[in-house]
Amino acid sequence: QVQLVESGGGLVQAGGSLRLSCVVSGRTF
């Protein structure tokens, strides 16, 4: 199996910034 795990979300005010990440891993990766 292949897993994709996102992180970095949240609450931010308009005009702000966020950086999302997605790590890919797994036994059949």
PDB file of all heavy atoms in Angstrom:
ATOM      1  N   GLN A   1       0.835  -1.196   0.000  1.00  0.00           N
ATOM      2  CA  GLN A   1       0.000   0.000   0.000  1.00  0.00           C
ATOM      3  C   GLN A   1       0.869   1.244   0.000  1.00  0.00           C
ATOM      4  O   GLN A   1       2.000   1.232   0.453  1.00  0.00           O
ATOM      5  CB  GLN A   1      -0.915   0.025   1.223  1.00  0.00           C
ATOM      6  CG  GLN A   1      -1.994  -1.029   1.186  1.00  0.00           C
ATOM      7  CD  GLN A   1      -2.942  -0.898   2.372  1.00  0.00           C
ATOM      8  OE1 GLN A   1      -2.654  -0.164   3.306  1.00  0.00           O
ATOM      9  NE2 GLN A   1      -4.029  -1.627   2.327  1.00  0.00           N
ATOM     10  N   VAL A   2       0.294   2.323  -0.505  1.00  0.00           N
ATOM     11  CA  VAL A   2       0.962   3.611  -0.543  1.00  0.00           C
ATOM     12  C   VAL A   2       0.160   4.586   0.310  1.00  0.00           C
ATOM     13  O   VAL A   2      -1.057   4.670   0.172  1.00  0.00           O
ATOM     14  CB  VAL A   2       1.077   4.137  -1.981  1.00  0.00           C
ATOM     15  CG1 VAL A   2       1.713   5.513  -2.001  1.00  0.00           C
ATOM     16  CG2 VAL A   2       1.877   3.150  -2.840  1.00  0.00           C
ATOM     17  N   GLN A   3       0.839   5.272   1.209  1.00  0.00           N
ATOM     18  CA  GLN A   3       0.166   6.258   2.062  1.00  0.00           C
ATOM     19  C   GLN A   3       0.628   7.655   1.730  1.00  0.00           C
ATOM     20  O   GLN A   3       1.821   7.893   1.512  1.00  0.00           O
ATOM     21  CB  GLN A   3       0.444   5.984   3.543  1.00  0.00           C
ATOM     22  CG  GLN A   3      -0.265   4.771   4.119  1.00  0.00           C
ATOM     23  CD  GLN A   3       0.562   3.511   3.949  1.00  0.00           C
ATOM     24  OE1 GLN A   3       1.768   3.526   4.131  1.00  0.00           O
ATOM     25  NE2 GLN A   3      -0.094   2.422   3.610  1.00  0.00           N
ATOM     26  N   LEU A   4      -0.329   8.562   1.709  1.00  0.00           N
ATOM     27  CA  LEU A   4      -0.054   9.981   1.546  1.00  0.00           C
ATOM     28  C   LEU A   4      -0.590  10.686   2.785  1.00  0.00           C
ATOM     29  O   LEU A   4      -1.775  10.532   3.116  1.00  0.00           O
ATOM     30  CB  LEU A   4      -0.731  10.546   0.298  1.00  0.00           C
ATOM     31  CG  LEU A   4      -0.144  10.183  -1.071  1.00  0.00           C
ATOM     32  CD1 LEU A   4      -0.392   8.715  -1.429  1.00  0.00           C
ATOM     33  CD2 LEU A   4      -0.714  11.091  -2.157  1.00  0.00           C
ATOM     34  N   VAL A   5       0.254  11.432   3.451  1.00  0.00           N
ATOM     35  CA  VAL A   5      -0.138  12.093   4.690  1.00  0.00           C
ATOM     36  C   VAL A   5       0.118  13.590   4.563  1.00  0.00           C
ATOM     37  O   VAL A   5       1.279  14.014   4.430  1.00  0.00           O
ATOM     38  CB  VAL A   5       0.611  11.525   5.901  1.00  0.00           C
ATOM     39  CG1 VAL A   5       0.191  12.251   7.168  1.00  0.00           C
ATOM     40  CG2 VAL A   5       0.349  10.021   6.037  1.00  0.00           C
ATOM     41  N   GLU A   6      -0.965  14.365   4.616  1.00  0.00           N
ATOM     42  CA  GLU A   6      -0.857  15.813   4.531  1.00  0.00           C
ATOM     43  C   GLU A   6      -0.701  16.417   5.923  1.00  0.00           C
ATOM     44  O   GLU A   6      -1.176  15.859   6.920  1.00  0.00           O
ATOM     45  CB  GLU A   6      -2.106  16.428   3.881  1.00  0.00           C
ATOM     46  CG  GLU A   6      -2.452  15.917   2.512  1.00  0.00           C
ATOM     47  CD  GLU A   6      -3.487  14.817   2.523  1.00  0.00           C
ATOM     48  OE1 GLU A   6      -3.615  14.140   3.563  1.00  0.00           O
ATOM     49  OE2 GLU A   6      -4.184  14.640   1.508  1.00  0.00           O
ATOM     50  N   SER A   7      -0.073  17.567   5.971  1.00  0.00           N
ATOM     51  CA  SER A   7       0.041  18.339   7.208  1.00  0.00           C
ATOM     52  C   SER A   7       0.216  19.804   6.853  1.00  0.00           C
ATOM     53  O   SER A   7       0.459  20.149   5.687  1.00  0.00           O
ATOM     54  CB  SER A   7       1.229  17.856   8.054  1.00  0.00           C
ATOM     55  OG  SER A   7       2.446  18.039   7.353  1.00  0.00           O
ATOM     56  N   GLY A   8       0.067  20.667   7.866  1.00  0.00           N
ATOM     57  CA  GLY A   8       0.314  22.088   7.668  1.00  0.00           C
ATOM     58  C   GLY A   8      -0.930  22.945   7.585  1.00  0.00           C
ATOM     59  O   GLY A   8      -0.828  24.170   7.502  1.00  0.00           O
ATOM     60  N   GLY A   9      -2.093  22.318   7.610  1.00  0.00           N
ATOM     61  CA  GLY A   9      -3.318  23.102   7.576  1.00  0.00           C
ATOM     62  C   GLY A   9      -3.548  23.830   8.882  1.00  0.00           C
ATOM     63  O   GLY A   9      -2.833  23.619   9.870  1.00  0.00           O
ATOM     64  N   GLY A  10      -4.558  24.694   8.896  1.00  0.00           N
ATOM     65  CA  GLY A  10      -4.874  25.427  10.107  1.00  0.00           C
ATOM     66  C   GLY A  10      -5.765  26.608   9.834  1.00  0.00           C
ATOM     67  O   GLY A  10      -6.348  26.736   8.753  1.00  0.00           O
ATOM     68  N   LEU A  11      -5.873  27.466  10.851  1.00  0.00           N
ATOM     69  CA  LEU A  11      -6.681  28.675  10.768  1.00  0.00           C
ATOM     70  C   LEU A  11      -5.759  29.867  10.567  1.00  0.00           C
ATOM     71  O   LEU A  11      -4.786  30.039  11.318  1.00  0.00           O
ATOM     72  CB  LEU A  11      -7.494  28.837  12.049  1.00  0.00           C
ATOM     73  CG  LEU A  11      -8.284  30.146  12.207  1.00  0.00           C
ATOM     74  CD1 LEU A  11      -9.355  30.256  11.129  1.00  0.00           C
ATOM     75  CD2 LEU A  11      -8.906  30.212  13.600  1.00  0.00           C
ATOM     76  N   VAL A  12      -6.060  30.690   9.585  1.00  0.00           N
ATOM     77  CA  VAL A  12      -5.231  31.847   9.291  1.00  0.00           C
ATOM     78  C   VAL A  12      -6.132  32.998   8.865  1.00  0.00           C
ATOM     79  O   VAL A  12      -7.221  32.781   8.311  1.00  0.00           O
ATOM     80  CB  VAL A  12      -4.195  31.508   8.192  1.00  0.00           C
ATOM     81  CG1 VAL A  12      -4.877  31.180   6.876  1.00  0.00           C
ATOM     82  CG2 VAL A  12      -3.178  32.614   8.015  1.00  0.00           C
ATOM     83  N   GLN A  13      -5.696  34.209   9.127  1.00  0.00           N
ATOM     84  CA  GLN A  13      -6.451  35.378   8.688  1.00  0.00           C
ATOM     85  C   GLN A  13      -6.227  35.626   7.204  1.00  0.00           C
ATOM     86  O   GLN A  13      -5.189  35.244   6.637  1.00  0.00           O
ATOM     87  CB  GLN A  13      -6.030  36.603   9.487  1.00  0.00           C
ATOM     88  CG  GLN A  13      -6.502  36.586  10.939  1.00  0.00           C
ATOM     89  CD  GLN A  13      -6.224  37.899  11.635  1.00  0.00           C
ATOM     90  OE1 GLN A  13      -5.319  38.636  11.269  1.00  0.00           O
ATOM     91  NE2 GLN A  13      -7.004  38.200  12.661  1.00  0.00           N
ATOM     92  N   ALA A  14      -7.185  36.295   6.592  1.00  0.00           N
ATOM     93  CA  ALA A  14      -7.048  36.660   5.187  1.00  0.00           C
ATOM     94  C   ALA A  14      -5.757  37.456   4.992  1.00  0.00           C
ATOM     95  O   ALA A  14      -5.409  38.318   5.797  1.00  0.00           O
ATOM     96  CB  ALA A  14      -8.249  37.478   4.737  1.00  0.00           C
ATOM     97  N   GLY A  15      -5.048  37.128   3.912  1.00  0.00           N
ATOM     98  CA  GLY A  15      -3.763  37.749   3.642  1.00  0.00           C
ATOM     99  C   GLY A  15      -2.584  36.979   4.195  1.00  0.00           C
ATOM    100  O   GLY A  15      -1.437  37.287   3.855  1.00  0.00           O
ATOM    101  N   GLY A  16      -2.854  35.994   5.025  1.00  0.00           N
ATOM    102  CA  GLY A  16      -1.794  35.201   5.634  1.00  0.00           C
ATOM    103  C   GLY A  16      -1.305  34.087   4.726  1.00  0.00           C
ATOM    104  O   GLY A  16      -1.733  33.959   3.570  1.00  0.00           O
ATOM    105  N   SER A  17      -0.403  33.281   5.285  1.00  0.00           N
ATOM    106  CA  SER A  17       0.227  32.203   4.520  1.00  0.00           C
ATOM    107  C   SER A  17       0.190  30.888   5.287  1.00  0.00           C
ATOM    108  O   SER A  17       0.188  30.883   6.522  1.00  0.00           O
ATOM    109  CB  SER A  17       1.691  32.554   4.209  1.00  0.00           C
ATOM    110  OG  SER A  17       1.792  33.706   3.410  1.00  0.00           O
ATOM    111  N   LEU A  18       0.191  29.812   4.547  1.00  0.00           N
ATOM    112  CA  LEU A  18       0.340  28.477   5.090  1.00  0.00           C
ATOM    113  C   LEU A  18       1.170  27.660   4.101  1.00  0.00           C
ATOM    114  O   LEU A  18       1.130  27.917   2.893  1.00  0.00           O
ATOM    115  CB  LEU A  18      -1.002  27.780   5.299  1.00  0.00           C
ATOM    116  CG  LEU A  18      -1.879  28.215   6.473  1.00  0.00           C
ATOM    117  CD1 LEU A  18      -3.234  27.529   6.391  1.00  0.00           C
ATOM    118  CD2 LEU A  18      -1.209  27.908   7.798  1.00  0.00           C
ATOM    119  N   ARG A  19       1.868  26.657   4.631  1.00  0.00           N
ATOM    120  CA  ARG A  19       2.616  25.741   3.770  1.00  0.00           C
ATOM    121  C   ARG A  19       2.144  24.328   4.071  1.00  0.00           C
ATOM    122  O   ARG A  19       2.347  23.827   5.180  1.00  0.00           O
ATOM    123  CB  ARG A  19       4.109  25.842   4.020  1.00  0.00           C
ATOM    124  CG  ARG A  19       4.962  25.046   3.034  1.00  0.00           C
ATOM    125  CD  ARG A  19       6.365  24.873   3.546  1.00  0.00           C
ATOM    126  NE  ARG A  19       7.292  24.464   2.510  1.00  0.00           N
ATOM    127  CZ  ARG A  19       8.473  23.889   2.766  1.00  0.00           C
ATOM    128  NH1 ARG A  19       8.853  23.679   4.021  1.00  0.00           N
ATOM    129  NH2 ARG A  19       9.277  23.545   1.765  1.00  0.00           N
ATOM    130  N   LEU A  20       1.534  23.703   3.101  1.00  0.00           N
ATOM    131  CA  LEU A  20       1.096  22.326   3.236  1.00  0.00           C
ATOM    132  C   LEU A  20       2.203  21.377   2.780  1.00  0.00           C
ATOM    133  O   LEU A  20       2.935  21.678   1.845  1.00  0.00           O
ATOM    134  CB  LEU A  20      -0.157  22.070   2.414  1.00  0.00           C
ATOM    135  CG  LEU A  20      -1.356  22.986   2.666  1.00  0.00           C
ATOM    136  CD1 LEU A  20      -2.546  22.533   1.834  1.00  0.00           C
ATOM    137  CD2 LEU A  20      -1.713  23.044   4.135  1.00  0.00           C
ATOM    138  N   SER A  21       2.292  20.251   3.455  1.00  0.00           N
ATOM    139  CA  SER A  21       3.238  19.198   3.083  1.00  0.00           C
ATOM    140  C   SER A  21       2.490  17.892   2.907  1.00  0.00           C
ATOM    141  O   SER A  21       1.473  17.645   3.554  1.00  0.00           O
ATOM    142  CB  SER A  21       4.305  19.018   4.160  1.00  0.00           C
ATOM    143  OG  SER A  21       5.038  20.197   4.379  1.00  0.00           O
ATOM    144  N   CYS A  22       3.006  17.038   2.049  1.00  0.00           N
ATOM    145  CA  CYS A  22       2.430  15.713   1.844  1.00  0.00           C
ATOM    146  C   CYS A  22       3.583  14.726   1.678  1.00  0.00           C
ATOM    147  O   CYS A  22       4.355  14.828   0.718  1.00  0.00           O
ATOM    148  CB  CYS A  22       1.538  15.701   0.617  1.00  0.00           C
ATOM    149  SG  CYS A  22       0.928  14.073   0.132  1.00  0.00           S
ATOM    150  N   VAL A  23       3.676  13.802   2.621  1.00  0.00           N
ATOM    151  CA  VAL A  23       4.733  12.795   2.595  1.00  0.00           C
ATOM    152  C   VAL A  23       4.158  11.489   2.061  1.00  0.00           C
ATOM    153  O   VAL A  23       3.096  11.042   2.503  1.00  0.00           O
ATOM    154  CB  VAL A  23       5.328  12.585   3.994  1.00  0.00           C
ATOM    155  CG1 VAL A  23       6.419  11.523   3.945  1.00  0.00           C
ATOM    156  CG2 VAL A  23       5.874  13.890   4.547  1.00  0.00           C
ATOM    157  N   VAL A  24       4.865  10.877   1.143  1.00  0.00           N
ATOM    158  CA  VAL A  24       4.424   9.631   0.518  1.00  0.00           C
ATOM    159  C   VAL A  24       5.286   8.489   1.036  1.00  0.00           C
ATOM    160  O   VAL A  24       6.525   8.588   1.066  1.00  0.00           O
ATOM    161  CB  VAL A  24       4.516   9.720  -1.010  1.00  0.00           C
ATOM    162  CG1 VAL A  24       4.003   8.425  -1.653  1.00  0.00           C
ATOM    163  CG2 VAL A  24       3.726  10.907  -1.518  1.00  0.00           C
ATOM    164  N   SER A  25       4.656   7.399   1.428  1.00  0.00           N
ATOM    165  CA  SER A  25       5.385   6.242   1.948  1.00  0.00           C
ATOM    166  C   SER A  25       4.526   4.995   1.761  1.00  0.00           C
ATOM    167  O   SER A  25       3.424   5.052   1.219  1.00  0.00           O
ATOM    168  CB  SER A  25       5.708   6.427   3.434  1.00  0.00           C
ATOM    169  OG  SER A  25       4.503   6.481   4.189  1.00  0.00           O
ATOM    170  N   GLY A  26       5.056   3.844   2.214  1.00  0.00           N
ATOM    171  CA  GLY A  26       4.244   2.638   2.169  1.00  0.00           C
ATOM    172  C   GLY A  26       5.030   1.404   1.779  1.00  0.00           C
ATOM    173  O   GLY A  26       6.125   1.494   1.228  1.00  0.00           O
ATOM    174  N   ARG A  27       4.439   0.268   2.072  1.00  0.00           N
ATOM    175  CA  ARG A  27       5.098  -1.026   1.853  1.00  0.00           C
ATOM    176  C   ARG A  27       5.357  -1.274   0.376  1.00  0.00           C
ATOM    177  O   ARG A  27       6.406  -1.803  -0.002  1.00  0.00           O
ATOM    178  CB  ARG A  27       4.253  -2.134   2.443  1.00  0.00           C
ATOM    179  CG  ARG A  27       4.900  -3.504   2.420  1.00  0.00           C
ATOM    180  CD  ARG A  27       4.078  -4.487   3.231  1.00  0.00           C
ATOM    181  NE  ARG A  27       2.744  -4.667   2.678  1.00  0.00           N
ATOM    182  CZ  ARG A  27       2.463  -5.539   1.735  1.00  0.00           C
ATOM    183  NH1 ARG A  27       3.423  -6.276   1.204  1.00  0.00           N
ATOM    184  NH2 ARG A  27       1.231  -5.661   1.298  1.00  0.00           N
ATOM    185  N   THR A  28       4.434  -0.864  -0.485  1.00  0.00           N
ATOM    186  CA  THR A  28       4.606  -1.087  -1.916  1.00  0.00           C
ATOM    187  C   THR A  28       5.086   0.157  -2.639  1.00  0.00           C
ATOM    188  O   THR A  28       5.174   0.193  -3.851  1.00  0.00           O
ATOM    189  CB  THR A  28       3.288  -1.552  -2.560  1.00  0.00           C
ATOM    190  OG1 THR A  28       2.300  -0.542  -2.347  1.00  0.00           O
ATOM    191  CG2 THR A  28       2.834  -2.856  -1.951  1.00  0.00           C
ATOM    192  N   PHE A  29       5.402   1.158  -1.857  1.00  0.00           N
ATOM    193  CA  PHE A  29       5.903   2.391  -2.440  1.00  0.00           C
ATOM    194  C   PHE A  29       7.282   2.157  -3.029  1.00  0.00           C
ATOM    195  O   PHE A  29       8.142   1.550  -2.405  1.00  0.00           O
ATOM    196  CB  PHE A  29       5.952   3.459  -1.350  1.00  0.00           C
ATOM    197  CG  PHE A  29       6.675   4.704  -1.727  1.00  0.00           C
ATOM    198  CD1 PHE A  29       6.147   5.560  -2.656  1.00  0.00           C
ATOM    199  CD2 PHE A  29       7.886   5.014  -1.141  1.00  0.00           C
ATOM    200  CE1 PHE A  29       6.812   6.719  -3.003  1.00  0.00           C
ATOM    201  CE2 PHE A  29       8.559   6.171  -1.472  1.00  0.00           C
ATOM    202  CZ  PHE A  29       8.024   7.027  -2.401  1.00  0.00           C
TER     203      PHE A  29
END
